[in-house]
Protein backbone atom coordinates (compact mmCIF):
# COMPACT_ATOMS: atom_id res chain seq x y z
CA MET A 1 -20.53 -2.95 15.01
CA SER A 2 -16.75 -3.06 14.82
CA ALA A 3 -15.04 -5.73 16.94
CA GLY A 4 -11.85 -3.73 16.54
CA ARG A 5 -13.51 -0.65 18.03
CA LEU A 6 -14.77 -2.63 21.02
CA LEU A 7 -11.29 -3.96 21.63
CA SER A 8 -9.92 -0.41 21.37
CA LEU A 9 -12.51 0.75 23.91
CA LEU A 10 -11.56 -2.09 26.27
CA LEU A 11 -7.86 -1.24 26.03
CA LEU A 12 -8.66 2.47 26.47
CA LEU A 13 -10.49 1.77 29.72
CA GLN A 14 -7.69 -0.50 30.85
CA SER A 15 -4.97 2.10 30.20
CA ARG A 16 -6.78 5.31 31.24
CA GLY A 17 -8.82 4.32 34.25
CA ARG A 18 -11.96 6.45 34.59
CA VAL A 19 -13.02 8.06 31.28
CA SER A 20 -16.15 10.02 30.38
CA ALA A 21 -18.34 8.98 27.46
CA ARG A 22 -17.48 12.27 25.73
CA ALA A 23 -13.75 11.59 26.10
CA ILE A 24 -14.24 8.06 24.75
CA ALA A 25 -16.12 9.45 21.75
CA GLY A 26 -13.31 11.92 21.04
CA GLU A 27 -10.60 9.30 21.40
CA LEU A 28 -12.26 6.72 19.14
CA GLY A 29 -13.73 9.18 16.63
CA ILE A 30 -17.36 8.19 17.28
CA SER A 31 -20.49 9.93 18.55
CA VAL A 32 -21.31 10.06 22.27
CA ARG A 33 -24.41 7.95 21.58
CA THR A 34 -22.24 5.29 19.91
CA ALA A 35 -19.87 5.38 22.88
CA TYR A 36 -22.80 4.61 25.21
CA ARG A 37 -23.88 1.72 22.97
CA ASP A 38 -20.34 0.30 22.85
CA LEU A 39 -20.03 0.48 26.63
CA ALA A 40 -23.32 -1.40 26.95
CA ARG A 41 -22.04 -4.04 24.52
CA LEU A 42 -18.93 -4.56 26.64
CA GLN A 43 -21.07 -4.96 29.75
CA ALA A 44 -23.33 -7.44 27.91
CA ALA A 45 -20.23 -9.42 26.91
CA GLY A 46 -19.32 -9.86 30.58
CA ILE A 47 -16.69 -7.12 30.87
CA PRO A 48 -16.99 -5.48 34.33
CA VAL A 49 -17.46 -1.85 33.20
CA LEU A 50 -18.58 0.37 36.09
CA ALA A 51 -20.40 3.70 35.68
CA GLU A 52 -19.75 6.59 38.09
CA PRO A 53 -22.54 9.21 37.83
CA GLY A 54 -22.24 12.93 38.51
CA ARG A 55 -19.58 15.59 38.03
CA GLY A 56 -16.16 14.02 37.57
CA GLY A 57 -17.73 10.63 36.94
CA GLY A 58 -17.28 8.33 33.98
CA TYR A 59 -16.65 4.72 33.09
CA GLN A 60 -13.93 2.41 34.35
CA LEU A 61 -13.12 -1.27 34.67
CA LEU A 62 -13.58 -3.09 37.96
CA GLU A 63 -10.40 -2.65 39.97
CA GLY A 64 -7.97 -5.48 39.29
CA TYR A 65 -9.60 -6.52 36.02
CA ARG A 66 -7.11 -6.91 33.14
CA THR A 67 -7.40 -8.47 29.72
CA ARG A 68 -4.16 -10.16 28.72
CA LEU A 69 -2.74 -11.60 25.52
CA THR A 70 -0.90 -14.50 27.12
CA GLY A 71 1.99 -16.57 25.88
CA MET A 72 2.70 -14.42 22.83
CA SER A 73 6.25 -14.65 21.46
CA GLU A 74 8.23 -11.73 20.05
CA GLY A 75 7.71 -12.99 16.50
CA GLU A 76 3.98 -13.42 17.05
CA ALA A 77 3.69 -9.89 18.43
CA ARG A 78 5.39 -8.51 15.31
CA ALA A 79 3.12 -10.66 13.18
CA LEU A 80 -0.04 -9.01 14.59
CA PHE A 81 0.59 -6.12 12.20
CA PHE A 82 0.16 -8.55 9.31
CA ALA A 83 -2.81 -10.45 10.75
CA GLY A 84 -5.06 -9.25 7.93
CA LEU A 85 -2.41 -9.65 5.23
CA PRO A 86 -1.79 -13.38 4.66
CA GLY A 87 0.05 -12.90 1.36
CA PRO A 88 2.57 -10.30 2.63
CA ALA A 89 2.99 -12.25 5.87
CA ALA A 90 4.00 -15.31 3.84
CA ASP A 91 6.47 -13.19 1.85
CA LEU A 92 8.04 -12.06 5.12
CA GLY A 93 8.24 -15.59 6.51
CA LEU A 94 5.63 -14.95 9.21
CA THR A 95 2.84 -17.35 8.20
CA ALA A 96 3.10 -19.55 11.31
CA GLU A 97 3.45 -16.55 13.63
CA VAL A 98 0.37 -14.88 12.13
CA SER A 99 -1.74 -18.00 12.66
CA ALA A 100 -0.53 -18.44 16.24
CA ALA A 101 -1.00 -14.76 17.10
CA ARG A 102 -4.53 -14.72 15.70
CA LEU A 103 -5.51 -17.79 17.72
CA LYS A 104 -4.08 -16.31 20.93
CA LEU A 105 -5.76 -12.96 20.31
CA LEU A 106 -9.14 -14.63 19.77
CA ALA A 107 -8.63 -16.81 22.84
CA ALA A 108 -7.93 -13.76 24.98
CA LEU A 109 -11.17 -12.01 23.99
CA PRO A 110 -14.54 -12.63 25.64
CA ALA A 111 -16.67 -15.14 23.71
CA GLN A 112 -18.97 -12.55 22.13
CA LEU A 113 -16.11 -10.36 20.92
CA SER A 114 -14.17 -13.41 19.71
CA GLU A 115 -17.11 -14.52 17.58
CA GLU A 116 -17.53 -11.04 16.17
CA ALA A 117 -13.81 -10.78 15.34
CA ALA A 118 -13.96 -14.17 13.60
CA ARG A 119 -16.97 -13.04 11.54
CA THR A 120 -15.10 -9.89 10.53
CA ALA A 121 -12.02 -11.87 9.46
CA ALA A 122 -14.19 -14.22 7.41
CA VAL A 123 -15.54 -11.47 5.13
CA PHE A 124 -12.32 -9.56 4.28
CA HIS A 125 -9.42 -10.80 2.18
CA LEU A 126 -6.52 -8.84 0.70
CA ASP A 127 -4.94 -9.93 -2.59
CA ALA A 128 -2.20 -7.36 -3.18
CA PRO A 129 -0.77 -8.24 -6.64
CA ALA A 130 -2.30 -6.53 -9.68
CA TRP A 131 -4.22 -8.42 -12.37
CA TYR A 132 -2.34 -9.99 -15.30
CA ARG A 133 0.96 -10.14 -13.46
CA GLU A 134 2.73 -12.98 -11.73
CA PRO A 135 4.05 -12.30 -8.19
CA GLU A 136 7.68 -11.23 -8.28
CA PRO A 137 10.23 -13.60 -6.75
CA THR A 138 11.87 -11.98 -3.72
CA PRO A 139 14.34 -14.54 -2.33
CA HIS A 140 16.26 -11.90 -0.37
CA LEU A 141 13.26 -10.29 1.36
CA ALA A 142 13.89 -12.19 4.61
CA VAL A 143 17.41 -10.73 4.80
CA PHE A 144 16.00 -7.20 4.75
CA VAL A 145 13.39 -8.09 7.40
CA ASP A 146 16.20 -9.36 9.63
CA ALA A 147 18.26 -6.23 8.95
CA LEU A 148 15.35 -3.93 9.80
CA LEU A 149 14.62 -5.69 13.08
CA THR A 150 18.25 -5.91 14.19
CA GLY A 151 19.53 -2.57 12.86
CA ARG A 152 22.22 -4.06 10.61
CA ALA A 153 23.49 -2.93 7.23
CA VAL A 154 23.29 -5.19 4.18
CA GLU A 155 25.76 -5.77 1.35
CA VAL A 156 23.74 -6.02 -1.88
CA ARG A 157 24.30 -6.61 -5.56
CA TYR A 158 21.54 -4.83 -7.48
CA ARG A 159 20.33 -4.79 -11.09
CA ARG A 160 19.13 -1.35 -12.18
CA TRP A 161 17.79 0.08 -15.45
CA ARG A 162 20.64 2.39 -16.40
CA ALA A 163 24.29 1.57 -17.05
CA PRO A 164 26.16 0.11 -15.34
CA GLN A 165 23.26 -2.24 -14.76
CA GLU A 166 24.84 -4.28 -11.95
CA VAL A 167 26.07 -2.33 -8.94
CA SER A 168 27.20 -3.21 -5.42
CA ARG A 169 26.02 -1.19 -2.44
CA ARG A 170 26.10 -1.23 1.35
CA LEU A 171 22.58 -0.29 2.41
CA ARG A 172 21.14 0.65 5.79
CA PRO A 173 17.46 -0.41 5.58
CA TYR A 174 14.85 2.04 6.91
CA GLY A 175 11.69 0.21 5.84
CA LEU A 176 9.82 -2.07 3.44
CA VAL A 177 6.83 -0.98 1.34
CA LEU A 178 4.37 -3.23 -0.51
CA LYS A 179 2.73 -1.50 -3.49
CA SER A 180 0.46 -3.38 -5.92
CA GLY A 181 2.06 -6.67 -4.94
CA VAL A 182 5.62 -5.38 -5.43
CA TRP A 183 8.05 -5.05 -2.49
CA TYR A 184 10.31 -1.99 -2.26
CA LEU A 185 13.17 -1.37 0.16
CA VAL A 186 13.77 2.14 1.47
CA ALA A 187 17.40 2.39 2.56
CA ALA A 188 20.26 4.82 3.09
CA GLY A 189 23.29 4.38 0.86
CA GLU A 190 26.58 6.21 1.01
CA SER A 191 25.10 9.64 0.24
CA ARG A 192 21.28 9.54 0.26
CA ILE A 193 18.09 7.64 1.00
CA ALA A 194 16.81 5.75 -2.05
CA THR A 195 14.20 3.16 -3.05
CA TYR A 196 15.11 -0.30 -4.38
CA ARG A 197 12.83 -2.88 -5.98
CA VAL A 198 13.46 -6.03 -3.94
CA ALA A 199 12.99 -8.35 -6.93
CA GLN A 200 15.95 -6.59 -8.61
CA VAL A 201 18.31 -7.56 -5.77
CA LEU A 202 20.68 -10.25 -7.07
CA ASP A 203 22.38 -10.96 -3.75
CA ALA A 204 22.05 -9.72 -0.15
CA VAL A 205 24.23 -10.52 2.87
CA LEU A 206 23.94 -9.11 6.38
CA SER A 207 27.04 -7.15 7.39
CA GLU A 208 28.51 -6.70 10.86
CA GLU A 209 27.82 -2.96 10.77
CA ARG A 210 25.07 -1.80 13.11
CA PHE A 211 23.30 1.53 12.76
CA ASP A 212 20.48 3.54 14.32
CA ARG A 213 17.51 4.42 12.15
CA PRO A 214 17.01 8.23 12.30
CA ARG A 215 14.51 8.96 15.06
CA GLY A 216 12.57 11.47 12.96
CA PHE A 217 12.32 9.31 9.83
CA ASP A 218 8.68 8.75 8.77
CA LEU A 219 8.37 5.88 6.30
CA GLY A 220 4.85 6.85 5.20
CA ALA A 221 5.79 10.48 4.61
CA TYR A 222 8.92 9.44 2.71
CA TRP A 223 6.91 7.12 0.45
CA THR A 224 4.34 9.81 -0.32
CA SER A 225 7.11 12.24 -1.24
CA TYR A 226 8.84 9.56 -3.33
CA LEU A 227 5.67 8.88 -5.33
CA GLU A 228 5.12 12.58 -5.99
CA ASP A 229 8.71 12.97 -7.18
CA PHE A 230 8.42 9.82 -9.30
CA GLN A 231 5.35 11.16 -11.07
CA ALA A 232 7.06 14.50 -11.71
CA ARG A 233 10.08 12.74 -13.25
CA ARG A 234 8.00 10.16 -15.09
CA TYR A 235 6.10 12.49 -17.37
CA THR A 236 8.55 14.66 -19.30
CA GLY A 237 6.37 15.75 -22.22
CA THR A 238 2.84 16.13 -23.56
CA ALA A 239 0.92 15.00 -26.63
CA THR A 240 -2.17 16.33 -28.34
CA ILE A 241 -4.55 13.56 -29.39
CA ARG A 242 -7.95 12.99 -31.01
CA LEU A 243 -10.06 10.30 -29.38
CA SER A 244 -13.28 8.55 -30.47
CA PRO A 245 -16.18 7.93 -28.05
CA ARG A 246 -15.24 4.22 -27.95
CA GLY A 247 -11.59 5.09 -27.38
CA ARG A 248 -12.54 7.26 -24.42
CA ARG A 249 -14.53 4.38 -22.92
CA ARG A 250 -11.56 2.05 -23.41
CA LEU A 251 -9.07 4.55 -22.01
CA PRO A 252 -9.07 3.44 -18.32
CA ASP A 253 -8.21 -0.15 -19.32
CA ASN A 254 -5.23 0.85 -21.46
CA VAL A 255 -3.46 3.86 -19.95
CA PRO A 256 -2.52 5.05 -16.42
CA PRO A 257 -5.02 7.08 -14.34
CA GLU A 258 -2.97 10.27 -14.84
CA VAL A 259 -3.62 10.11 -18.60
CA VAL A 260 -7.35 9.48 -18.06
CA ARG A 261 -7.55 12.49 -15.72
CA ALA A 262 -5.72 14.65 -18.27
CA VAL A 263 -8.21 13.69 -20.98
CA ASP A 264 -11.15 14.45 -18.68
CA SER A 265 -9.77 17.88 -17.78
CA THR A 266 -8.67 19.02 -21.27
CA ALA A 267 -11.23 17.36 -23.59
CA VAL A 268 -12.70 19.62 -26.29
CA PRO A 269 -15.35 18.32 -28.75
CA VAL A 270 -14.32 18.31 -32.41
CA GLY A 271 -16.98 17.76 -35.06
CA ASP A 272 -20.38 16.13 -34.65
CA ASP A 273 -19.26 12.50 -34.36
CA GLY A 274 -18.39 12.56 -30.65
CA TRP A 275 -14.60 12.73 -31.12
CA ILE A 276 -12.69 14.94 -28.71
CA GLU A 277 -9.27 16.58 -28.69
CA ALA A 278 -7.16 16.52 -25.51
CA VAL A 279 -3.66 17.02 -24.15
CA ILE A 280 -2.06 14.16 -22.22
CA PRO A 281 1.24 13.71 -20.32
CA THR A 282 3.80 11.38 -21.90
CA GLU A 283 6.99 9.59 -20.96
CA SER A 284 9.45 8.76 -23.76
CA THR A 285 8.37 8.68 -27.40
CA ASP A 286 8.77 4.88 -27.55
CA HIS A 287 6.76 4.35 -24.37
CA ALA A 288 3.94 6.67 -25.46
CA CYS A 289 3.82 5.04 -28.90
CA GLY A 290 3.43 1.55 -27.45
CA GLU A 291 0.81 2.69 -24.94
CA LEU A 292 -1.36 4.65 -27.40
CA LEU A 293 -1.27 1.97 -30.10
CA ARG A 294 -3.38 -0.20 -27.77
CA LEU A 295 -6.32 2.01 -28.75
CA GLY A 296 -5.94 1.22 -32.46
CA THR A 297 -8.04 3.36 -34.78
CA ASP A 298 -9.85 5.02 -31.87
CA ILE A 299 -6.97 7.47 -31.38
CA GLU A 300 -4.94 9.85 -33.56
CA VAL A 301 -1.80 11.64 -32.40
CA LEU A 302 -1.69 15.22 -33.65
CA ALA A 303 1.49 16.37 -31.88
CA PRO A 304 4.39 16.29 -31.24
CA ALA A 305 5.70 15.41 -34.70
CA GLU A 306 8.18 12.79 -33.46
CA LEU A 307 5.43 10.81 -31.68
CA ARG A 308 3.15 10.99 -34.72
CA GLN A 309 6.04 9.79 -36.90
CA ALA A 310 6.74 6.92 -34.49
CA MET A 311 3.08 5.86 -34.63
CA THR A 312 3.13 6.05 -38.44
CA ALA A 313 6.34 4.01 -38.69
CA THR A 314 5.01 1.32 -36.35
CA VAL A 315 1.70 1.03 -38.19
CA GLY A 316 3.59 0.84 -41.50
CA ALA A 317 5.84 -1.93 -40.17
CA LEU A 318 2.77 -3.86 -39.00
CA ALA A 319 1.16 -3.47 -42.43
CA ARG A 320 4.29 -4.83 -44.14
CA THR A 321 4.47 -7.73 -41.68
CA TYR A 322 0.94 -8.77 -42.60
CA GLY A 323 1.53 -8.27 -46.33
CA LEU A 324 -0.68 -5.22 -46.79
CA HIS A 325 1.99 -3.23 -48.67
């Protein structure tokens, strides 16, 4: 039983008035039988749900009954979105608001639903950062949160990968995205919308300029498109490799999922020892060399020639370092 679904049902009845079980099922994405069970659970919890039989009948709350979330501040209302994300809420400076909002939400629910919500919260925890990586410092994140909520532009100094490495920009923030524990700012610059890694921001100051976020801008759709474009730009070449059975087992722990999928879709057996030949996507020669060397003697690069030569040169340098030549 989902406490969240029961709360959604309660708010649906409160906002719609009389609703049939079939309409409830369609709205909440459940079966009609489940809708009947959920309605019974609300009644058992002391919610005055009335049933009207016959054509045109349905379910509705007793006239005058309202459930209210009382005394909630503006900051606490915003913080509800992060109620299940303690780490990101702390990054955004909303730890106290999240705690207060959760307490007020639980206090506003009937006892049975409150207990169920508390049980649900006790068995789920989100830890966003990836393994083997320290959380990135984001001292200017709060500035961007303020800018997003007040519709103000921000003057930033930013460190990027290509020259010139330090640049100054006036950005109009459209949204923040948390991916694998890393915060990204989506913002409009002078000529286009772009994505900025928040940890790379050296300085950020709110400006006096106010702006309106485009009404049709969809942050989720933009991010999906950005990731697709990033992947297309990321892999600029291919390599043909030979891989041992052990190397194939080790592959997911040493290379990105795109490379694993490429091996799975192009693998051809060679010989009787379990080795396979496959074609994989690659970034730069240096990047591919460093990535594939993690597999040691379980991999051989067949092509292109420049990547094979880079692997040979690196292995030779290692041998000289350890006095083998």
